[in-house]
Every structure is written in structure tokens, then in C-alpha cells.
Amino acid sequence: MNENLNLCIDYIIRFLLRDEKGQYNKYISYGYKEEALIVIIPSDFFESSVYLTGKSFPSLPLTELRGIPVLFGKGKMLEENGKIIIYADIIASTYFLISRYEECIKINDRDIHGRFLAKNSILYQTNNLNKCLVDEYGELLRCLLREKGVNIESCKKAFSHVYLTHDVDNYRTWNSIYSATRSAIKMVMTKQKNFMLPYKAFINYEKNDPIYTFPWLAEIDNDLKDKLSVECKVIYFIMGAQERTKFDNGYAFNVRTTRKLIHSLKPISDIGYHVSYSAKDDLSRCGGEIKVVEELSGENIKLSRNHYLASKEPEDFEILIENGITDDFTMGFADNVGFRLGTCRPVKWINPITMKLTTLTLHPMTAMDATLDGTHYMNIKEEDEAFLIIRKLLEQVKRHNGEVVLLWHNPSVSLQANSYHRKLYSRVLGLLLQMEEE
């Protein structure tokens, strides 16, 4: 094995054991080592003739070890010469999931926006997307170590962090008298009573624009922050794109109003970079867009999320790293909620092409508003059903001492939005507080 891969394997073992100080990784070996208490037998996944080829994908149906699905190896475990020998390759299985290996290899399995969707993932196809398989592997290893007399604690059943995040794709509906007039005429023709709203919002968008919901979000987010005992952060992801396209509003072109918005948000939240749709297709734009957000905010930007959750691994992650991004919050599927990384815990990204452990931390998303009721996504019509789905996801996060990452857009909580998301978001934040207290 090359040095990069050895570093990745060491990181994976420590990640599974929650062993930041390196106290327990000596008891686990990938391949036979005399001093190890638990030996994991490698599959052929990392062999040069297999890796990065079609032969490296898991065979279906997946095998199981103590009821936990594993992607590689055999569902077999035995004790031999005082050691526990595991034939299920949970190291390769973890690597496959946390590096997003399949997304780098299945480059043609993309939708019209260039996104790798849940329906194409091994987790969705095996009905494991709503499980934290990687965290279950770690739980199993810690349990086995305790069986061998090692004093390693179980993970705490609690949320480790809560991130309330909001992507600002646009902060006003009408930014010209022309657009206001077009909307007003349409409203008159459809006999809507509030046909003067576009003009009122154009004149004073902070007071009258229905998608300017930032005061309400600030109130409800900060109320939860004040009540939770666990660390809770609010993040607004701001675009640096300055030209209007079909998918990018280009609002950063209006420096004065965008700066005003950001400075109103800074006292209550962190500011991140929202990678534009155009930058997703032309990665050379990222550096310039980040600089725009930094100039508007007066801060060094370290956080990012891709517009449309459209990422192009591994190129875009490498570009983000080059431009000083340390934490990315894109890791959720657009078409289905669940654990895209197989874990609910933040994890260092491994570039599966170079096998290099990077400095970029990936934060797994718990749920996004548009995923739930999107016509081309889960298409959930009832608020109660959506609430139940999120509750089950939060139960998984709490069980594995993971972090909660919610994504709600400012237009979806508008009083004029034809959706349940304003009420649902309020209920979910209340649920977080209730679950912490239980």
C-alpha cells in the first residue's frame, strides 16, 4: 500500500473508534499484525487491478456482519489465537462511503444539473440511505474492543452540534421597476387583489418583499440557540456571482444592498460561500466569487455549499481547498434525505483519485426543505409526514452523537409560499430542543 493510503486507513480506524488522541487504534489492524486484538481482513478493493475499475463496486445483495450491511468482504467473524478476525472489510466500506468514491467513478450517472442523485447510490439501492452505516461499523468495533477488555467508552447519545443553515439564492423578488410592472400586470390579469405588492416591495423590499424572511429566521434560529446546551451555529451561504443567468440571480452585482444584507446577518450568524451554478460548470470562477463574498462581508470565508447541491467530485473540492475553504456543507442528496456519506459526523474528505487525506471537512446534511416536497424529489404533500421523516433522521443523529445540519431557504418560509415549510421548520426546531431534553 502506498503512503497516502496508509494515512487514509489510519484516519478511518481512528474515525470509527472516535479516537482523536490515537489511544486505541493500535488494537485494530488492517491485515494481520501480531500486536492487534482485532484483525480486519482486506478485500481486493484496494488492489491496483481492481481500484478505480468496474470491479471495485460492491456486489448485491450486500453481506451482513452482526446485522450490519457491509459493502466488501464476507459476513464472517471468528476468534483465533486470542484475536478477533473480521472478514467483512469495513475499512474499504467506510472509505467507499466517506470519500464519495462512487460519485467519482460513476461520472455519467448525473442529472441535467450534473448532480449525482440518491437513486443512483449504493445506499439508496440497498435501502440503507437513512442508516449511518459507517457509525454502526465504529459502534461494532468499540463493542468488540470492550469484549477484549479494552476500556473504550460508548458514544454519547446526544447531538454533538447543530447547524441551522440557509442558502441565499435571492433576497428580493423584484429588483427593477420592469420586473415589478410585469408581475403587477400578471396579477391584475389573474384578478389578484395585491397587485400593488411588486411596487411596494421594489420601493422597500426589507419591509414588503415576501421572500425577505431573514428577520423571522433570525428570531426563530436565535431562540433555539439560546435554549440549546449543545453548540448551535447559524450559517448563511451567500453567492458571489455577479451576472444573472437561468440558474444564478447574480445579486452580488448590487454591492450596496448585498453588503447591507450580509452585515445585518453577521451579528447572528456565520457567512459562507454559495458556489454558483455557473462556477459549478466553470470551476475557475470559484476563486473570484469567494473574493467577492469576502469583500462584501469583510471576512475570510472558510465555509461553502454548492448551489443546487451540485458538486463535481473531485475537481470542485480541490478548487475549494486551494481557495482556503476548510468546511463544506454540500453533502446531502437533492432528491432524497438521508446520509450521503454513510455517517452523521463531520469527516475529512479523501480524494479517491489520489488517495490523499485532505484538509477539507465534509459536514453531512440531515435534511433540506426542497427535497421533501419537491415535485421531482420526494414529493411529500403532508407536513406531518415530512415531520415524521425528519424525526427519524434526528433519532439516528442523536444515537450516533452526530451533528444536525438543516437547510431551509428564505423563500420557502415566506407567508405567501404555497408550502408547509414555515410551520415545519418551526416544529423541527422545537423537536430539537425536546430531543435534547429527553
Protein backbone atom coordinates (compact mmCIF):
# COMPACT_ATOMS: atom_id res chain seq x y z
CA MET A 1 0.00 0.00 0.00
CA ASN A 2 1.22 3.50 -0.75
CA GLU A 3 1.83 6.10 1.94
CA ASN A 4 -1.30 8.11 1.08
CA LEU A 5 -3.48 5.05 1.50
CA ASN A 6 -1.80 4.12 4.79
CA LEU A 7 -2.61 7.58 6.15
CA CYS A 8 -6.21 7.21 4.99
CA ILE A 9 -6.58 3.82 6.66
CA ASP A 10 -5.12 5.11 9.90
CA TYR A 11 -7.57 8.04 9.77
CA ILE A 12 -10.51 5.73 9.09
CA ILE A 13 -9.68 3.48 12.04
CA ARG A 14 -9.39 6.48 14.37
CA PHE A 15 -12.61 7.94 12.94
CA LEU A 16 -14.50 4.70 13.51
CA LEU A 17 -13.21 4.42 17.07
CA ARG A 18 -13.71 8.17 17.76
CA ASP A 19 -10.07 8.03 18.73
CA GLU A 20 -8.79 11.58 18.20
CA LYS A 21 -5.82 11.07 20.53
CA GLY A 22 -4.75 7.74 19.00
CA GLN A 23 -5.19 5.71 22.17
CA TYR A 24 -6.97 2.71 20.70
CA ASN A 25 -6.04 2.41 17.01
CA LYS A 26 -3.11 0.15 17.95
CA TYR A 27 -5.62 -2.57 18.82
CA ILE A 28 -7.01 -2.67 15.27
CA SER A 29 -5.07 -3.82 12.21
CA TYR A 30 -5.99 -3.87 8.55
CA GLY A 31 -4.28 -7.07 7.61
CA TYR A 32 -2.64 -9.39 10.15
CA LYS A 33 -0.47 -7.82 12.85
CA GLU A 34 0.71 -9.75 15.87
CA GLU A 35 0.02 -6.99 18.40
CA ALA A 36 -3.56 -6.31 17.26
CA LEU A 37 -6.61 -7.54 19.14
CA ILE A 38 -8.90 -7.14 16.12
CA VAL A 39 -7.73 -8.02 12.62
CA ILE A 40 -9.74 -6.87 9.59
CA ILE A 41 -9.01 -8.98 6.54
CA PRO A 42 -8.70 -6.76 3.43
CA SER A 43 -10.82 -7.44 0.39
CA ASP A 44 -9.42 -6.88 -3.10
CA PHE A 45 -10.89 -3.33 -3.25
CA PHE A 46 -7.55 -1.50 -3.00
CA GLU A 47 -5.66 -3.82 -5.36
CA SER A 48 -4.31 -1.96 -8.39
CA SER A 49 -6.14 -4.24 -10.82
CA VAL A 50 -9.46 -3.52 -9.10
CA TYR A 51 -9.33 0.03 -7.72
CA LEU A 52 -10.98 2.66 -9.94
CA THR A 53 -12.45 -0.03 -12.20
CA GLY A 54 -15.93 -1.51 -12.52
CA LYS A 55 -14.74 -4.50 -10.49
CA SER A 56 -14.41 -2.26 -7.40
CA PHE A 57 -18.15 -1.80 -6.88
CA PRO A 58 -20.00 -3.80 -4.22
CA SER A 59 -21.81 -6.96 -5.23
CA LEU A 60 -25.51 -7.18 -4.46
CA PRO A 61 -27.12 -8.24 -2.25
CA LEU A 62 -24.80 -6.90 0.43
CA THR A 63 -23.48 -9.24 3.05
CA GLU A 64 -24.04 -8.51 6.75
CA LEU A 65 -21.95 -8.70 9.88
CA ARG A 66 -23.98 -8.91 13.07
CA GLY A 67 -26.90 -7.49 11.15
CA ILE A 68 -24.95 -4.55 9.72
CA PRO A 69 -24.67 -4.40 5.90
CA VAL A 70 -21.10 -4.24 4.61
CA LEU A 71 -20.03 -3.36 1.09
CA PHE A 72 -16.98 -5.59 0.76
CA GLY A 73 -15.68 -8.86 2.15
CA LYS A 74 -17.60 -11.65 3.84
CA GLY A 75 -20.06 -11.58 6.73
CA LYS A 76 -17.78 -13.76 8.79
CA MET A 77 -16.04 -13.23 12.13
CA LEU A 78 -14.18 -15.66 14.35
CA GLU A 79 -11.79 -15.75 17.31
CA GLU A 80 -8.36 -17.20 16.75
CA ASN A 81 -5.25 -17.14 18.96
CA GLY A 82 -6.83 -14.54 21.21
CA LYS A 83 -7.70 -12.26 18.29
CA ILE A 84 -11.00 -11.40 16.66
CA ILE A 85 -10.69 -11.91 12.91
CA ILE A 86 -13.19 -9.94 10.79
CA TYR A 87 -13.61 -10.95 7.17
CA ALA A 88 -16.02 -8.10 6.44
CA ASP A 89 -13.91 -5.28 5.01
CA ILE A 90 -15.36 -2.38 6.97
CA ILE A 91 -12.29 -0.26 6.16
CA ALA A 92 -12.90 -0.39 2.39
CA SER A 93 -16.64 0.02 3.02
CA THR A 94 -16.03 3.17 5.06
CA TYR A 95 -13.55 4.52 2.53
CA PHE A 96 -16.04 3.95 -0.31
CA LEU A 97 -18.73 5.96 1.52
CA ILE A 98 -16.89 8.87 3.13
CA SER A 99 -14.74 9.61 0.06
CA ARG A 100 -17.81 9.55 -2.24
CA TYR A 101 -15.85 7.04 -4.34
CA GLU A 102 -18.84 6.01 -6.42
CA GLU A 103 -19.55 9.63 -7.43
CA CYS A 104 -16.04 10.00 -8.82
CA ILE A 105 -16.33 6.76 -10.78
CA LYS A 106 -19.94 6.93 -11.99
CA ILE A 107 -19.31 10.16 -13.83
CA ASN A 108 -22.11 9.51 -16.33
CA ASP A 109 -24.78 8.89 -13.67
CA ARG A 110 -25.76 12.55 -13.40
CA ASP A 111 -28.96 14.54 -13.86
CA ILE A 112 -29.34 17.59 -16.09
CA HIS A 113 -27.69 19.74 -13.40
CA GLY A 114 -24.66 17.46 -13.16
CA ARG A 115 -25.71 16.05 -9.80
CA PHE A 116 -25.20 12.53 -8.56
CA LEU A 117 -28.61 11.61 -7.19
CA ALA A 118 -29.59 9.39 -4.29
CA LYS A 119 -31.37 6.93 -6.59
CA ASN A 120 -28.02 6.09 -8.20
CA SER A 121 -26.23 5.47 -4.91
CA ILE A 122 -25.49 2.09 -3.37
CA LEU A 123 -27.05 3.29 -0.10
CA TYR A 124 -30.41 4.08 -1.70
CA GLN A 125 -30.44 0.96 -3.86
CA THR A 126 -29.88 -1.25 -0.80
CA ASN A 127 -32.33 0.68 1.42
CA ASN A 128 -29.55 1.95 3.68
CA LEU A 129 -29.64 5.69 2.97
CA ASN A 130 -31.40 6.50 6.24
CA LYS A 131 -28.89 4.48 8.26
CA CYS A 132 -25.49 5.64 9.45
CA LEU A 133 -23.61 2.53 8.33
CA VAL A 134 -20.17 3.99 8.97
CA ASP A 135 -21.14 4.91 12.52
CA GLU A 136 -22.53 1.41 13.01
CA TYR A 137 -19.18 -0.03 11.93
CA GLY A 138 -17.49 2.09 14.58
CA GLU A 139 -20.01 1.07 17.20
CA LEU A 140 -19.31 -2.58 16.40
CA LEU A 141 -15.53 -2.13 16.68
CA ARG A 142 -15.83 -0.40 20.04
CA CYS A 143 -18.12 -3.16 21.28
CA LEU A 144 -15.62 -5.82 20.19
CA LEU A 145 -12.77 -3.99 21.91
CA ARG A 146 -14.76 -3.92 25.15
CA GLU A 147 -15.30 -7.67 24.76
CA LYS A 148 -11.50 -7.97 24.64
CA GLY A 149 -11.15 -5.97 27.85
CA VAL A 150 -10.26 -2.57 26.39
CA ASN A 151 -11.79 0.31 28.35
CA ILE A 152 -13.29 2.29 25.48
CA GLU A 153 -16.50 4.17 26.08
CA SER A 154 -19.72 4.00 24.09
CA CYS A 155 -20.58 7.18 22.24
CA LYS A 156 -22.82 9.67 23.98
CA LYS A 157 -26.45 9.58 22.85
CA ALA A 158 -26.78 13.28 22.10
CA PHE A 159 -26.35 15.81 19.31
CA SER A 160 -22.73 16.95 19.01
CA HIS A 161 -23.53 20.16 17.09
CA VAL A 162 -26.50 21.82 15.43
CA TYR A 163 -26.13 23.85 12.23
CA LEU A 164 -29.10 25.90 11.05
CA THR A 165 -28.14 26.83 7.51
CA HIS A 166 -29.77 28.96 4.84
CA ASP A 167 -28.77 29.30 1.18
CA VAL A 168 -29.43 32.79 -0.13
CA ASP A 169 -30.23 32.21 -3.80
CA ASN A 170 -32.05 35.56 -3.83
CA TYR A 171 -33.17 38.03 -1.18
CA ARG A 172 -35.69 40.09 -3.12
CA THR A 173 -38.28 39.22 -5.75
CA TRP A 174 -38.32 42.47 -7.73
CA ASN A 175 -35.07 44.37 -8.23
CA SER A 176 -36.23 46.60 -11.12
CA ILE A 177 -39.31 48.61 -12.00
CA TYR A 178 -39.60 46.49 -15.13
CA SER A 179 -39.86 43.20 -13.21
CA ALA A 180 -42.30 44.78 -10.75
CA THR A 181 -44.51 46.03 -13.59
CA ARG A 182 -44.54 42.64 -15.33
CA SER A 183 -45.65 40.93 -12.12
CA ALA A 184 -48.26 43.59 -11.38
CA ILE A 185 -49.81 43.22 -14.85
CA LYS A 186 -49.92 39.44 -14.47
CA MET A 187 -51.59 39.78 -11.07
CA VAL A 188 -54.20 42.16 -12.46
CA MET A 189 -54.94 39.78 -15.31
CA THR A 190 -55.39 36.89 -12.88
CA LYS A 191 -57.57 39.08 -10.63
CA GLN A 192 -55.26 39.05 -7.61
CA LYS A 193 -56.04 41.75 -5.08
CA ASN A 194 -52.48 42.54 -4.00
CA PHE A 195 -51.30 43.68 -7.45
CA MET A 196 -49.53 46.68 -5.88
CA LEU A 197 -47.22 44.42 -3.86
CA PRO A 198 -44.45 44.28 -6.51
CA TYR A 199 -44.17 48.10 -6.48
CA LYS A 200 -44.24 48.26 -2.68
CA ALA A 201 -41.56 45.58 -2.46
CA PHE A 202 -39.43 47.28 -5.10
CA ILE A 203 -39.53 50.52 -3.10
CA ASN A 204 -38.94 48.86 0.29
CA TYR A 205 -38.01 45.19 -0.10
CA GLU A 206 -36.97 44.74 3.53
CA LYS A 207 -40.48 45.59 4.67
CA ASN A 208 -42.66 44.31 1.84
CA ASP A 209 -40.90 41.61 -0.17
CA PRO A 210 -42.42 38.22 0.72
CA ILE A 211 -39.10 36.36 0.40
CA TYR A 212 -37.25 38.76 2.74
CA THR A 213 -37.84 36.43 5.69
CA PHE A 214 -34.49 36.97 7.40
CA PRO A 215 -35.93 38.72 10.47
CA TRP A 216 -38.26 35.77 11.14
CA LEU A 217 -35.44 33.26 10.59
CA ALA A 218 -33.16 35.24 12.89
CA GLU A 219 -35.77 35.27 15.63
CA ILE A 220 -36.55 31.56 15.49
CA ASP A 221 -32.92 30.45 14.99
CA ASN A 222 -31.60 32.56 17.85
CA ASP A 223 -34.37 31.43 20.15
CA LEU A 224 -33.17 27.85 19.66
CA LYS A 225 -29.51 28.86 20.06
CA ASP A 226 -30.28 30.44 23.41
CA LYS A 227 -32.09 27.34 24.67
CA LEU A 228 -29.85 24.52 23.44
CA SER A 229 -26.96 23.44 25.63
CA VAL A 230 -25.08 21.97 22.66
CA GLU A 231 -23.23 24.32 20.32
CA CYS A 232 -25.62 25.69 17.70
CA LYS A 233 -24.48 27.79 14.75
CA VAL A 234 -26.42 29.65 12.09
CA ILE A 235 -24.82 29.90 8.65
CA TYR A 236 -25.93 31.92 5.63
CA PHE A 237 -24.36 30.88 2.34
CA ILE A 238 -24.02 33.93 0.08
CA MET A 239 -23.40 33.95 -3.66
CA GLY A 240 -20.51 35.85 -5.18
CA ALA A 241 -21.86 35.56 -8.71
CA GLN A 242 -22.38 38.98 -10.28
CA GLU A 243 -24.14 38.07 -13.51
CA ARG A 244 -27.71 36.87 -13.94
CA THR A 245 -28.22 33.50 -15.65
CA LYS A 246 -31.05 31.00 -15.82
CA PHE A 247 -29.93 29.47 -12.51
CA ASP A 248 -27.98 32.27 -10.81
CA ASN A 249 -29.63 35.51 -9.73
CA GLY A 250 -26.32 37.39 -9.77
CA TYR A 251 -27.42 39.59 -6.87
CA ALA A 252 -23.83 40.28 -5.75
CA PHE A 253 -23.72 42.76 -8.64
CA ASN A 254 -25.70 45.09 -6.39
CA VAL A 255 -22.91 45.72 -3.94
CA ARG A 256 -24.75 48.13 -1.65
CA THR A 257 -27.82 46.01 -0.92
CA THR A 258 -25.90 42.73 -0.76
CA ARG A 259 -23.40 44.20 1.69
CA LYS A 260 -26.29 45.60 3.72
CA LEU A 261 -27.89 42.14 3.92
CA ILE A 262 -24.65 40.45 4.92
CA HIS A 263 -23.89 42.98 7.64
CA SER A 264 -27.39 42.54 9.04
CA LEU A 265 -26.76 38.78 9.23
CA LYS A 266 -23.20 38.82 10.61
CA PRO A 267 -24.09 39.56 14.27
CA ILE A 268 -26.32 36.47 14.40
CA SER A 269 -24.63 34.04 12.03
CA ASP A 270 -21.56 32.88 10.16
CA ILE A 271 -21.17 33.72 6.47
CA GLY A 272 -20.28 31.05 3.92
CA TYR A 273 -19.76 30.91 0.17
CA HIS A 274 -22.57 29.60 -2.04
CA VAL A 275 -20.89 28.14 -5.13
CA SER A 276 -22.87 29.42 -8.11
CA TYR A 277 -24.36 27.23 -10.80
CA SER A 278 -22.01 28.86 -13.32
CA ALA A 279 -18.98 28.14 -11.13
CA LYS A 280 -20.03 24.51 -10.88
CA ASP A 281 -19.60 24.31 -14.66
CA ASP A 282 -16.52 26.56 -14.76
CA LEU A 283 -14.52 26.00 -11.60
CA SER A 284 -12.11 28.83 -12.40
CA ARG A 285 -14.89 31.19 -11.27
CA CYS A 286 -14.78 29.97 -7.67
CA GLY A 287 -11.75 31.97 -6.57
CA GLY A 288 -13.21 35.23 -7.86
CA GLU A 289 -16.62 34.56 -6.31
CA ILE A 290 -15.06 33.80 -2.93
CA LYS A 291 -13.17 37.10 -3.09
CA VAL A 292 -16.45 38.91 -3.81
CA VAL A 293 -18.09 37.40 -0.73
CA GLU A 294 -15.01 38.22 1.34
CA GLU A 295 -15.06 41.83 0.18
CA LEU A 296 -18.79 42.17 0.86
CA SER A 297 -18.56 40.57 4.30
CA GLY A 298 -15.14 41.79 5.42
CA GLU A 299 -14.28 38.23 6.48
CA ASN A 300 -12.08 35.36 5.38
CA ILE A 301 -14.55 32.82 4.04
CA LYS A 302 -13.93 29.24 5.18
CA LEU A 303 -17.35 27.61 4.66
CA SER A 304 -19.05 26.59 1.41
CA ARG A 305 -22.06 24.89 -0.14
CA ASN A 306 -22.84 24.30 -3.81
CA HIS A 307 -25.94 25.79 -5.43
CA TYR A 308 -28.45 23.03 -6.32
CA LEU A 309 -26.23 20.74 -4.21
CA ALA A 310 -24.39 20.21 -7.49
CA SER A 311 -20.83 19.11 -6.87
CA LYS A 312 -18.35 17.71 -9.37
CA GLU A 313 -16.01 15.49 -7.40
CA PRO A 314 -13.14 15.60 -7.05
CA GLU A 315 -12.30 18.77 -9.01
CA ASP A 316 -14.52 21.22 -7.16
CA PHE A 317 -13.38 20.09 -3.71
CA GLU A 318 -9.76 20.58 -4.73
CA ILE A 319 -10.57 24.10 -6.02
CA LEU A 320 -12.28 24.94 -2.72
CA ILE A 321 -9.25 23.76 -0.77
CA GLU A 322 -6.93 25.86 -2.96
CA ASN A 323 -9.07 28.90 -2.15
CA GLY A 324 -8.97 28.47 1.62
CA ILE A 325 -12.26 26.63 2.23
CA THR A 326 -11.99 24.34 5.25
CA ASP A 327 -15.59 23.11 5.68
CA ASP A 328 -18.16 22.13 3.05
CA PHE A 329 -21.87 21.63 3.73
CA THR A 330 -22.99 20.23 0.34
CA MET A 331 -23.17 16.60 1.41
CA GLY A 332 -26.84 15.80 1.06
CA PHE A 333 -28.68 14.39 -1.94
CA ALA A 334 -31.14 16.70 -3.66
CA ASP A 335 -33.71 14.00 -4.40
CA ASN A 336 -33.87 12.18 -1.09
CA VAL A 337 -33.00 12.87 2.54
CA GLY A 338 -30.55 10.57 4.25
CA PHE A 339 -26.86 10.17 4.96
CA ARG A 340 -24.95 10.64 1.71
CA LEU A 341 -21.64 9.93 3.44
CA GLY A 342 -22.91 6.95 5.42
CA THR A 343 -22.28 8.94 8.60
CA CYS A 344 -23.87 11.79 10.53
CA ARG A 345 -20.50 13.02 11.74
CA PRO A 346 -18.12 15.52 10.08
CA VAL A 347 -15.36 13.74 8.24
CA LYS A 348 -12.17 14.70 6.40
CA TRP A 349 -12.54 14.28 2.66
CA ILE A 350 -10.37 11.67 0.98
CA ASN A 351 -9.69 12.29 -2.69
CA PRO A 352 -10.37 8.83 -4.14
CA ILE A 353 -8.35 9.54 -7.28
CA THR A 354 -5.13 10.43 -5.44
CA MET A 355 -5.97 8.51 -2.22
CA LYS A 356 -4.98 11.67 -0.37
CA LEU A 357 -6.45 12.65 3.01
CA THR A 358 -7.23 16.35 2.65
CA THR A 359 -7.79 19.29 4.97
CA LEU A 360 -11.42 19.72 3.85
CA THR A 361 -14.08 18.69 6.36
CA LEU A 362 -17.39 17.45 4.93
CA HIS A 363 -20.50 18.06 7.02
CA PRO A 364 -23.32 15.59 6.29
CA MET A 365 -26.69 17.23 5.68
CA THR A 366 -29.64 15.93 7.64
CA ALA A 367 -32.48 17.43 5.59
CA MET A 368 -33.26 20.16 3.04
CA ASP A 369 -36.66 21.79 2.64
CA ALA A 370 -36.91 21.42 -1.15
CA THR A 371 -36.05 17.71 -1.03
CA LEU A 372 -39.17 16.95 0.98
CA ASP A 373 -41.90 18.48 -1.16
CA GLY A 374 -40.11 18.92 -4.48
CA THR A 375 -42.19 17.55 -7.34
CA HIS A 376 -39.14 15.83 -8.84
CA TYR A 377 -37.80 14.77 -5.44
CA MET A 378 -39.68 13.10 -2.56
CA ASN A 379 -42.94 14.95 -3.37
CA ILE A 380 -44.29 14.72 0.18
CA LYS A 381 -47.60 16.54 0.31
CA GLU A 382 -48.36 16.41 4.03
CA GLU A 383 -46.46 18.32 6.68
CA ASP A 384 -46.95 15.60 9.29
CA GLU A 385 -45.33 13.01 7.02
CA ALA A 386 -42.35 15.28 6.39
CA PHE A 387 -42.03 15.93 10.12
CA LEU A 388 -42.02 12.19 10.88
CA ILE A 389 -39.27 11.60 8.31
CA ILE A 390 -37.07 14.28 9.86
CA ARG A 391 -37.76 12.96 13.34
CA LYS A 392 -36.45 9.51 12.35
CA LEU A 393 -33.32 11.07 10.87
CA LEU A 394 -32.73 13.10 14.02
CA GLU A 395 -33.07 9.95 16.10
CA GLN A 396 -30.23 8.42 14.09
CA VAL A 397 -28.10 11.53 14.57
CA LYS A 398 -28.70 11.55 18.31
CA ARG A 399 -27.98 7.83 18.62
CA HIS A 400 -24.56 8.27 16.99
CA ASN A 401 -23.64 11.59 18.64
CA GLY A 402 -23.67 13.24 15.24
CA GLU A 403 -24.31 16.76 14.08
CA VAL A 404 -27.59 18.13 12.80
CA VAL A 405 -27.38 20.12 9.55
CA LEU A 406 -30.65 21.63 8.35
CA LEU A 407 -31.04 23.61 5.12
CA TRP A 408 -34.03 25.90 4.76
CA HIS A 409 -34.24 28.60 2.08
CA ASN A 410 -35.62 32.05 2.86
CA PRO A 411 -38.40 31.90 0.16
CA SER A 412 -39.74 28.58 1.47
CA VAL A 413 -40.73 30.16 4.81
CA SER A 414 -42.50 33.12 3.22
CA LEU A 415 -46.05 33.72 4.43
CA GLN A 416 -47.05 33.70 0.77
CA ALA A 417 -45.24 30.47 -0.09
CA ASN A 418 -47.53 27.65 -1.11
CA SER A 419 -45.82 25.17 1.19
CA TYR A 420 -45.74 23.87 4.74
CA HIS A 421 -42.10 24.79 5.33
CA ARG A 422 -42.57 27.77 7.63
CA LYS A 423 -44.57 25.71 10.09
CA LEU A 424 -42.45 22.60 9.57
CA TYR A 425 -39.21 24.46 10.27
CA SER A 426 -40.64 25.83 13.49
CA ARG A 427 -41.78 22.34 14.53
CA VAL A 428 -38.38 20.80 13.74
CA LEU A 429 -36.53 23.37 15.84
CA GLY A 430 -38.94 22.66 18.68
CA LEU A 431 -38.26 18.95 18.23
CA LEU A 432 -34.52 19.51 18.50
CA LEU A 433 -34.98 21.18 21.86
CA GLN A 434 -37.33 18.44 23.03
CA MET A 435 -34.96 15.66 21.96
CA GLU A 436 -32.03 17.33 23.72
CA GLU A 437 -34.01 17.48 26.95
CA GLU A 438 -35.21 13.86 26.77
